[in-house]
Amino acid sequence: MAKQQTKEINQDDVKDNKNMPPHICGIIMPIADIEGYPTGHWRNVHDIICEASNDAGFKANLVSSDDDVAVIQKRIVQNLYENPIVV
């Protein structure tokens, strides 16, 4: 049976990673309640995705969200392109 090699973790690298901004996990989902789903369903889905993203080292963000006031379609397409992962 082959032995599995383990990589020694450099503590300086860990500290450096903590200072870096987290990668963004883009979220695509309805932003309002939809007929056929209980009230607050999509908010619950959002919260679950955010928790899982944070646990994986990502910052969850709706692809439609941005600090800049601009055309929402442009913002969505730009975030879809730039975010390393989208759910």
PDB file of N, CA and C in Angstrom:
ATOM      1  N   MET A   1       0.852  -1.178   0.000  1.00  0.00           N
ATOM      2  CA  MET A   1       0.000   0.000   0.000  1.00  0.00           C
ATOM      3  C   MET A   1       0.896   1.240   0.000  1.00  0.00           C
ATOM      4  N   ALA A   2       0.616   2.185  -0.842  1.00  0.00           N
ATOM      5  CA  ALA A   2       1.413   3.412  -0.939  1.00  0.00           C
ATOM      6  C   ALA A   2       1.122   4.324   0.238  1.00  0.00           C
ATOM      7  N   LYS A   3       2.193   4.944   0.720  1.00  0.00           N
ATOM      8  CA  LYS A   3       2.019   5.899   1.809  1.00  0.00           C
ATOM      9  C   LYS A   3       1.627   7.249   1.230  1.00  0.00           C
ATOM     10  N   GLN A   4       0.714   7.894   1.898  1.00  0.00           N
ATOM     11  CA  GLN A   4       0.266   9.206   1.445  1.00  0.00           C
ATOM     12  C   GLN A   4       1.194  10.257   2.033  1.00  0.00           C
ATOM     13  N   GLN A   5       1.747  11.096   1.176  1.00  0.00           N
ATOM     14  CA  GLN A   5       2.638  12.147   1.644  1.00  0.00           C
ATOM     15  C   GLN A   5       1.821  13.332   2.114  1.00  0.00           C
ATOM     16  N   THR A   6       2.299  13.949   3.181  1.00  0.00           N
ATOM     17  CA  THR A   6       1.635  15.151   3.678  1.00  0.00           C
ATOM     18  C   THR A   6       2.557  16.331   3.471  1.00  0.00           C
ATOM     19  N   LYS A   7       1.974  17.446   3.180  1.00  0.00           N
ATOM     20  CA  LYS A   7       2.740  18.666   2.953  1.00  0.00           C
ATOM     21  C   LYS A   7       2.774  19.463   4.246  1.00  0.00           C
ATOM     22  N   GLU A   8       3.967  19.890   4.612  1.00  0.00           N
ATOM     23  CA  GLU A   8       4.103  20.696   5.822  1.00  0.00           C
ATOM     24  C   GLU A   8       3.554  22.093   5.542  1.00  0.00           C
ATOM     25  N   ILE A   9       2.768  22.599   6.464  1.00  0.00           N
ATOM     26  CA  ILE A   9       2.144  23.912   6.294  1.00  0.00           C
ATOM     27  C   ILE A   9       3.053  24.976   6.873  1.00  0.00           C
ATOM     28  N   ASN A  10       3.358  25.959   6.062  1.00  0.00           N
ATOM     29  CA  ASN A  10       4.159  27.095   6.498  1.00  0.00           C
ATOM     30  C   ASN A  10       3.223  28.100   7.159  1.00  0.00           C
ATOM     31  N   GLN A  11       3.433  28.384   8.429  1.00  0.00           N
ATOM     32  CA  GLN A  11       2.547  29.281   9.179  1.00  0.00           C
ATOM     33  C   GLN A  11       2.545  30.694   8.608  1.00  0.00           C
ATOM     34  N   ASP A  12       3.656  31.127   7.993  1.00  0.00           N
ATOM     35  CA  ASP A  12       3.694  32.459   7.376  1.00  0.00           C
ATOM     36  C   ASP A  12       2.724  32.533   6.202  1.00  0.00           C
ATOM     37  N   ASP A  13       2.615  31.432   5.436  1.00  0.00           N
ATOM     38  CA  ASP A  13       1.672  31.393   4.318  1.00  0.00           C
ATOM     39  C   ASP A  13       0.239  31.495   4.814  1.00  0.00           C
ATOM     40  N   VAL A  14      -0.055  30.843   5.923  1.00  0.00           N
ATOM     41  CA  VAL A  14      -1.401  30.886   6.496  1.00  0.00           C
ATOM     42  C   VAL A  14      -1.732  32.307   6.920  1.00  0.00           C
ATOM     43  N   LYS A  15      -0.792  32.982   7.560  1.00  0.00           N
ATOM     44  CA  LYS A  15      -1.011  34.365   7.990  1.00  0.00           C
ATOM     45  C   LYS A  15      -1.234  35.271   6.788  1.00  0.00           C
ATOM     46  N   ASP A  16      -0.439  35.065   5.715  1.00  0.00           N
ATOM     47  CA  ASP A  16      -0.586  35.882   4.512  1.00  0.00           C
ATOM     48  C   ASP A  16      -1.958  35.689   3.886  1.00  0.00           C
ATOM     49  N   ASN A  17      -2.459  34.458   3.855  1.00  0.00           N
ATOM     50  CA  ASN A  17      -3.771  34.186   3.271  1.00  0.00           C
ATOM     51  C   ASN A  17      -4.886  34.851   4.059  1.00  0.00           C
ATOM     52  N   LYS A  18      -4.724  34.975   5.372  1.00  0.00           N
ATOM     53  CA  LYS A  18      -5.758  35.601   6.190  1.00  0.00           C
ATOM     54  C   LYS A  18      -5.851  37.090   5.915  1.00  0.00           C
ATOM     55  N   ASN A  19      -4.755  37.691   5.437  1.00  0.00           N
ATOM     56  CA  ASN A  19      -4.749  39.120   5.140  1.00  0.00           C
ATOM     57  C   ASN A  19      -5.291  39.423   3.748  1.00  0.00           C
ATOM     58  N   MET A  20      -5.408  38.402   2.917  1.00  0.00           N
ATOM     59  CA  MET A  20      -5.916  38.599   1.562  1.00  0.00           C
ATOM     60  C   MET A  20      -7.438  38.665   1.592  1.00  0.00           C
ATOM     61  N   PRO A  21      -8.025  39.482   0.716  1.00  0.00           N
ATOM     62  CA  PRO A  21      -9.489  39.495   0.665  1.00  0.00           C
ATOM     63  C   PRO A  21     -10.000  38.143   0.179  1.00  0.00           C
ATOM     64  N   PRO A  22     -11.148  37.701   0.698  1.00  0.00           N
ATOM     65  CA  PRO A  22     -11.664  36.391   0.286  1.00  0.00           C
ATOM     66  C   PRO A  22     -12.143  36.420  -1.163  1.00  0.00           C
ATOM     67  N   HIS A  23     -12.092  35.270  -1.808  1.00  0.00           N
ATOM     68  CA  HIS A  23     -12.669  35.148  -3.144  1.00  0.00           C
ATOM     69  C   HIS A  23     -14.181  35.289  -3.018  1.00  0.00           C
ATOM     70  N   ILE A  24     -14.807  35.715  -4.088  1.00  0.00           N
ATOM     71  CA  ILE A  24     -16.257  35.915  -4.094  1.00  0.00           C
ATOM     72  C   ILE A  24     -16.941  34.687  -4.683  1.00  0.00           C
ATOM     73  N   CYS A  25     -17.988  34.231  -4.009  1.00  0.00           N
ATOM     74  CA  CYS A  25     -18.877  33.197  -4.536  1.00  0.00           C
ATOM     75  C   CYS A  25     -20.138  33.917  -4.990  1.00  0.00           C
ATOM     76  N   GLY A  26     -20.327  34.041  -6.289  1.00  0.00           N
ATOM     77  CA  GLY A  26     -21.514  34.706  -6.814  1.00  0.00           C
ATOM     78  C   GLY A  26     -22.748  33.835  -6.634  1.00  0.00           C
ATOM     79  N   ILE A  27     -23.856  34.463  -6.310  1.00  0.00           N
ATOM     80  CA  ILE A  27     -25.112  33.738  -6.113  1.00  0.00           C
ATOM     81  C   ILE A  27     -26.125  34.231  -7.139  1.00  0.00           C
ATOM     82  N   ILE A  28     -26.710  33.289  -7.871  1.00  0.00           N
ATOM     83  CA  ILE A  28     -27.797  33.594  -8.802  1.00  0.00           C
ATOM     84  C   ILE A  28     -29.062  33.013  -8.198  1.00  0.00           C
ATOM     85  N   MET A  29     -30.033  33.859  -7.932  1.00  0.00           N
ATOM     86  CA  MET A  29     -31.287  33.389  -7.334  1.00  0.00           C
ATOM     87  C   MET A  29     -32.333  34.485  -7.431  1.00  0.00           C
ATOM     88  N   PRO A  30     -33.600  34.124  -7.299  1.00  0.00           N
ATOM     89  CA  PRO A  30     -34.643  35.154  -7.251  1.00  0.00           C
ATOM     90  C   PRO A  30     -34.441  36.038  -6.020  1.00  0.00           C
ATOM     91  N   ILE A  31     -34.777  37.305  -6.151  1.00  0.00           N
ATOM     92  CA  ILE A  31     -34.633  38.215  -5.012  1.00  0.00           C
ATOM     93  C   ILE A  31     -35.970  38.504  -4.344  1.00  0.00           C
ATOM     94  N   ALA A  32     -37.032  37.916  -4.859  1.00  0.00           N
ATOM     95  CA  ALA A  32     -38.367  38.116  -4.275  1.00  0.00           C
ATOM     96  C   ALA A  32     -39.047  36.757  -4.124  1.00  0.00           C
ATOM     97  N   ASP A  33     -40.054  36.730  -3.270  1.00  0.00           N
ATOM     98  CA  ASP A  33     -40.831  35.502  -3.102  1.00  0.00           C
ATOM     99  C   ASP A  33     -41.527  35.144  -4.408  1.00  0.00           C
ATOM    100  N   ILE A  34     -41.656  33.845  -4.653  1.00  0.00           N
ATOM    101  CA  ILE A  34     -42.268  33.337  -5.879  1.00  0.00           C
ATOM    102  C   ILE A  34     -43.442  32.453  -5.500  1.00  0.00           C
ATOM    103  N   GLU A  35     -44.522  32.575  -6.263  1.00  0.00           N
ATOM    104  CA  GLU A  35     -45.699  31.745  -6.021  1.00  0.00           C
ATOM    105  C   GLU A  35     -45.313  30.273  -6.096  1.00  0.00           C
ATOM    106  N   GLY A  36     -45.828  29.498  -5.170  1.00  0.00           N
ATOM    107  CA  GLY A  36     -45.531  28.075  -5.132  1.00  0.00           C
ATOM    108  C   GLY A  36     -44.460  27.716  -4.114  1.00  0.00           C
ATOM    109  N   TYR A  37     -43.779  28.720  -3.593  1.00  0.00           N
ATOM    110  CA  TYR A  37     -42.769  28.513  -2.549  1.00  0.00           C
ATOM    111  C   TYR A  37     -43.219  29.236  -1.291  1.00  0.00           C
ATOM    112  N   PRO A  38     -42.886  28.710  -0.116  1.00  0.00           N
ATOM    113  CA  PRO A  38     -43.273  29.397   1.121  1.00  0.00           C
ATOM    114  C   PRO A  38     -42.583  30.761   1.223  1.00  0.00           C
ATOM    115  N   THR A  39     -43.216  31.672   1.923  1.00  0.00           N
ATOM    116  CA  THR A  39     -42.638  32.995   2.135  1.00  0.00           C
ATOM    117  C   THR A  39     -41.277  32.843   2.812  1.00  0.00           C
ATOM    118  N   GLY A  40     -40.290  33.532   2.280  1.00  0.00           N
ATOM    119  CA  GLY A  40     -38.947  33.487   2.855  1.00  0.00           C
ATOM    120  C   GLY A  40     -38.088  32.329   2.381  1.00  0.00           C
ATOM    121  N   HIS A  41     -38.604  31.514   1.451  1.00  0.00           N
ATOM    122  CA  HIS A  41     -37.859  30.348   0.964  1.00  0.00           C
ATOM    123  C   HIS A  41     -36.497  30.749   0.402  1.00  0.00           C
ATOM    124  N   TRP A  42     -36.492  31.750  -0.470  1.00  0.00           N
ATOM    125  CA  TRP A  42     -35.242  32.134  -1.127  1.00  0.00           C
ATOM    126  C   TRP A  42     -34.273  32.805  -0.158  1.00  0.00           C
ATOM    127  N   ARG A  43     -34.791  33.458   0.866  1.00  0.00           N
ATOM    128  CA  ARG A  43     -33.928  34.025   1.911  1.00  0.00           C
ATOM    129  C   ARG A  43     -33.228  32.883   2.649  1.00  0.00           C
ATOM    130  N   ASN A  44     -33.964  31.799   2.930  1.00  0.00           N
ATOM    131  CA  ASN A  44     -33.363  30.633   3.590  1.00  0.00           C
ATOM    132  C   ASN A  44     -32.295  29.989   2.710  1.00  0.00           C
ATOM    133  N   VAL A  45     -32.577  29.873   1.413  1.00  0.00           N
ATOM    134  CA  VAL A  45     -31.600  29.319   0.470  1.00  0.00           C
ATOM    135  C   VAL A  45     -30.348  30.197   0.468  1.00  0.00           C
ATOM    136  N   HIS A  46     -30.547  31.504   0.413  1.00  0.00           N
ATOM    137  CA  HIS A  46     -29.430  32.457   0.427  1.00  0.00           C
ATOM    138  C   HIS A  46     -28.576  32.262   1.681  1.00  0.00           C
ATOM    139  N   ASP A  47     -29.217  32.145   2.830  1.00  0.00           N
ATOM    140  CA  ASP A  47     -28.489  31.984   4.092  1.00  0.00           C
ATOM    141  C   ASP A  47     -27.671  30.692   4.113  1.00  0.00           C
ATOM    142  N   ILE A  48     -28.230  29.614   3.572  1.00  0.00           N
ATOM    143  CA  ILE A  48     -27.517  28.333   3.520  1.00  0.00           C
ATOM    144  C   ILE A  48     -26.293  28.442   2.613  1.00  0.00           C
ATOM    145  N   ILE A  49     -26.465  29.061   1.444  1.00  0.00           N
ATOM    146  CA  ILE A  49     -25.347  29.232   0.514  1.00  0.00           C
ATOM    147  C   ILE A  49     -24.270  30.115   1.130  1.00  0.00           C
ATOM    148  N   CYS A  50     -24.672  31.187   1.815  1.00  0.00           N
ATOM    149  CA  CYS A  50     -23.702  32.087   2.456  1.00  0.00           C
ATOM    150  C   CYS A  50     -22.888  31.347   3.507  1.00  0.00           C
ATOM    151  N   GLU A  51     -23.551  30.548   4.320  1.00  0.00           N
ATOM    152  CA  GLU A  51     -22.851  29.801   5.368  1.00  0.00           C
ATOM    153  C   GLU A  51     -21.855  28.810   4.761  1.00  0.00           C
ATOM    154  N   ALA A  52     -22.282  28.084   3.743  1.00  0.00           N
ATOM    155  CA  ALA A  52     -21.396  27.113   3.095  1.00  0.00           C
ATOM    156  C   ALA A  52     -20.226  27.817   2.410  1.00  0.00           C
ATOM    157  N   SER A  53     -20.491  28.956   1.783  1.00  0.00           N
ATOM    158  CA  SER A  53     -19.437  29.720   1.116  1.00  0.00           C
ATOM    159  C   SER A  53     -18.405  30.208   2.116  1.00  0.00           C
ATOM    160  N   ASN A  54     -18.879  30.751   3.219  1.00  0.00           N
ATOM    161  CA  ASN A  54     -17.965  31.236   4.255  1.00  0.00           C
ATOM    162  C   ASN A  54     -17.112  30.101   4.806  1.00  0.00           C
ATOM    163  N   ASP A  55     -17.724  28.949   5.028  1.00  0.00           N
ATOM    164  CA  ASP A  55     -16.977  27.790   5.528  1.00  0.00           C
ATOM    165  C   ASP A  55     -15.889  27.358   4.545  1.00  0.00           C
ATOM    166  N   ALA A  56     -16.124  27.585   3.251  1.00  0.00           N
ATOM    167  CA  ALA A  56     -15.161  27.215   2.215  1.00  0.00           C
ATOM    168  C   ALA A  56     -14.154  28.327   1.932  1.00  0.00           C
ATOM    169  N   GLY A  57     -14.257  29.447   2.652  1.00  0.00           N
ATOM    170  CA  GLY A  57     -13.305  30.540   2.473  1.00  0.00           C
ATOM    171  C   GLY A  57     -13.699  31.552   1.420  1.00  0.00           C
ATOM    172  N   PHE A  58     -14.969  31.542   1.016  1.00  0.00           N
ATOM    173  CA  PHE A  58     -15.465  32.497   0.033  1.00  0.00           C
ATOM    174  C   PHE A  58     -16.405  33.492   0.696  1.00  0.00           C
ATOM    175  N   LYS A  59     -16.505  34.667   0.111  1.00  0.00           N
ATOM    176  CA  LYS A  59     -17.498  35.650   0.545  1.00  0.00           C
ATOM    177  C   LYS A  59     -18.658  35.562  -0.444  1.00  0.00           C
ATOM    178  N   ALA A  60     -19.841  35.220   0.046  1.00  0.00           N
ATOM    179  CA  ALA A  60     -21.012  35.087  -0.821  1.00  0.00           C
ATOM    180  C   ALA A  60     -21.574  36.460  -1.161  1.00  0.00           C
ATOM    181  N   ASN A  61     -21.996  36.612  -2.414  1.00  0.00           N
ATOM    182  CA  ASN A  61     -22.522  37.885  -2.877  1.00  0.00           C
ATOM    183  C   ASN A  61     -23.460  37.644  -4.058  1.00  0.00           C
ATOM    184  N   LEU A  62     -24.653  38.224  -3.998  1.00  0.00           N
ATOM    185  CA  LEU A  62     -25.554  38.136  -5.150  1.00  0.00           C
ATOM    186  C   LEU A  62     -24.876  38.772  -6.360  1.00  0.00           C
ATOM    187  N   VAL A  63     -24.982  38.132  -7.517  1.00  0.00           N
ATOM    188  CA  VAL A  63     -24.336  38.691  -8.706  1.00  0.00           C
ATOM    189  C   VAL A  63     -24.956  40.021  -9.112  1.00  0.00           C
ATOM    190  N   SER A  64     -26.153  40.305  -8.612  1.00  0.00           N
ATOM    191  CA  SER A  64     -26.801  41.584  -8.928  1.00  0.00           C
ATOM    192  C   SER A  64     -26.369  42.695  -7.978  1.00  0.00           C
ATOM    193  N   SER A  65     -25.611  42.356  -6.923  1.00  0.00           N
ATOM    194  CA  SER A  65     -25.199  43.350  -5.929  1.00  0.00           C
ATOM    195  C   SER A  65     -23.900  44.032  -6.333  1.00  0.00           C
ATOM    196  N   ASP A  66     -23.834  45.312  -6.028  1.00  0.00           N
ATOM    197  CA  ASP A  66     -22.613  46.079  -6.245  1.00  0.00           C
ATOM    198  C   ASP A  66     -22.786  47.423  -5.565  1.00  0.00           C
ATOM    199  N   ASP A  67     -21.680  48.007  -5.125  1.00  0.00           N
ATOM    200  CA  ASP A  67     -21.737  49.327  -4.512  1.00  0.00           C
ATOM    201  C   ASP A  67     -22.021  50.408  -5.550  1.00  0.00           C
ATOM    202  N   ASP A  68     -21.623  50.144  -6.784  1.00  0.00           N
ATOM    203  CA  ASP A  68     -21.798  51.111  -7.861  1.00  0.00           C
ATOM    204  C   ASP A  68     -23.248  51.110  -8.346  1.00  0.00           C
ATOM    205  N   VAL A  69     -23.793  52.294  -8.551  1.00  0.00           N
ATOM    206  CA  VAL A  69     -25.140  52.416  -9.109  1.00  0.00           C
ATOM    207  C   VAL A  69     -24.985  52.412 -10.625  1.00  0.00           C
ATOM    208  N   ALA A  70     -25.430  51.335 -11.240  1.00  0.00           N
ATOM    209  CA  ALA A  70     -25.284  51.197 -12.687  1.00  0.00           C
ATOM    210  C   ALA A  70     -26.414  50.324 -13.207  1.00  0.00           C
ATOM    211  N   VAL A  71     -26.346  49.997 -14.474  1.00  0.00           N
ATOM    212  CA  VAL A  71     -27.346  49.140 -15.093  1.00  0.00           C
ATOM    213  C   VAL A  71     -27.198  47.733 -14.511  1.00  0.00           C
ATOM    214  N   ILE A  72     -28.291  47.180 -13.988  1.00  0.00           N
ATOM    215  CA  ILE A  72     -28.230  45.892 -13.286  1.00  0.00           C
ATOM    216  C   ILE A  72     -27.785  44.756 -14.204  1.00  0.00           C
ATOM    217  N   GLN A  73     -28.185  44.769 -15.471  1.00  0.00           N
ATOM    218  CA  GLN A  73     -27.787  43.702 -16.387  1.00  0.00           C
ATOM    219  C   GLN A  73     -26.268  43.688 -16.573  1.00  0.00           C
ATOM    220  N   LYS A  74     -25.672  44.864 -16.692  1.00  0.00           N
ATOM    221  CA  LYS A  74     -24.220  44.963 -16.849  1.00  0.00           C
ATOM    222  C   LYS A  74     -23.525  44.420 -15.606  1.00  0.00           C
ATOM    223  N   ARG A  75     -24.039  44.775 -14.449  1.00  0.00           N
ATOM    224  CA  ARG A  75     -23.466  44.337 -13.178  1.00  0.00           C
ATOM    225  C   ARG A  75     -23.520  42.816 -13.058  1.00  0.00           C
ATOM    226  N   ILE A  76     -24.655  42.221 -13.421  1.00  0.00           N
ATOM    227  CA  ILE A  76     -24.814  40.766 -13.335  1.00  0.00           C
ATOM    228  C   ILE A  76     -23.815  40.067 -14.254  1.00  0.00           C
ATOM    229  N   VAL A  77     -23.738  40.506 -15.497  1.00  0.00           N
ATOM    230  CA  VAL A  77     -22.825  39.879 -16.457  1.00  0.00           C
ATOM    231  C   VAL A  77     -21.376  40.046 -15.999  1.00  0.00           C
ATOM    232  N   GLN A  78     -21.028  41.229 -15.507  1.00  0.00           N
ATOM    233  CA  GLN A  78     -19.664  41.482 -15.042  1.00  0.00           C
ATOM    234  C   GLN A  78     -19.310  40.577 -13.859  1.00  0.00           C
ATOM    235  N   ASN A  79     -20.228  40.451 -12.902  1.00  0.00           N
ATOM    236  CA  ASN A  79     -19.968  39.597 -11.742  1.00  0.00           C
ATOM    237  C   ASN A  79     -19.908  38.120 -12.127  1.00  0.00           C
ATOM    238  N   LEU A  80     -20.736  37.693 -13.077  1.00  0.00           N
ATOM    239  CA  LEU A  80     -20.665  36.311 -13.556  1.00  0.00           C
ATOM    240  C   LEU A  80     -19.295  36.030 -14.171  1.00  0.00           C
ATOM    241  N   TYR A  81     -18.762  37.012 -14.868  1.00  0.00           N
ATOM    242  CA  TYR A  81     -17.457  36.863 -15.512  1.00  0.00           C
ATOM    243  C   TYR A  81     -16.316  36.869 -14.491  1.00  0.00           C
ATOM    244  N   GLU A  82     -16.397  37.753 -13.497  1.00  0.00           N
ATOM    245  CA  GLU A  82     -15.286  37.962 -12.566  1.00  0.00           C
ATOM    246  C   GLU A  82     -15.262  37.005 -11.377  1.00  0.00           C
ATOM    247  N   ASN A  83     -16.420  36.539 -10.917  1.00  0.00           N
ATOM    248  CA  ASN A  83     -16.452  35.677  -9.730  1.00  0.00           C
ATOM    249  C   ASN A  83     -15.856  34.313 -10.055  1.00  0.00           C
ATOM    250  N   PRO A  84     -14.928  33.818  -9.213  1.00  0.00           N
ATOM    251  CA  PRO A  84     -14.296  32.533  -9.498  1.00  0.00           C
ATOM    252  C   PRO A  84     -15.247  31.337  -9.377  1.00  0.00           C
ATOM    253  N   ILE A  85     -16.329  31.501  -8.620  1.00  0.00           N
ATOM    254  CA  ILE A  85     -17.321  30.433  -8.478  1.00  0.00           C
ATOM    255  C   ILE A  85     -18.695  31.083  -8.397  1.00  0.00           C
ATOM    256  N   VAL A  86     -19.684  30.450  -9.016  1.00  0.00           N
ATOM    257  CA  VAL A  86     -21.055  30.976  -9.011  1.00  0.00           C
ATOM    258  C   VAL A  86     -22.000  29.819  -8.716  1.00  0.00           C
ATOM    259  N   VAL A  87     -22.949  30.064  -7.794  1.00  0.00           N
ATOM    260  CA  VAL A  87     -23.949  29.062  -7.416  1.00  0.00           C
ATOM    261  C   VAL A  87     -25.309  29.610  -7.778  1.00  0.00           C
TER     262      VAL A  87
END
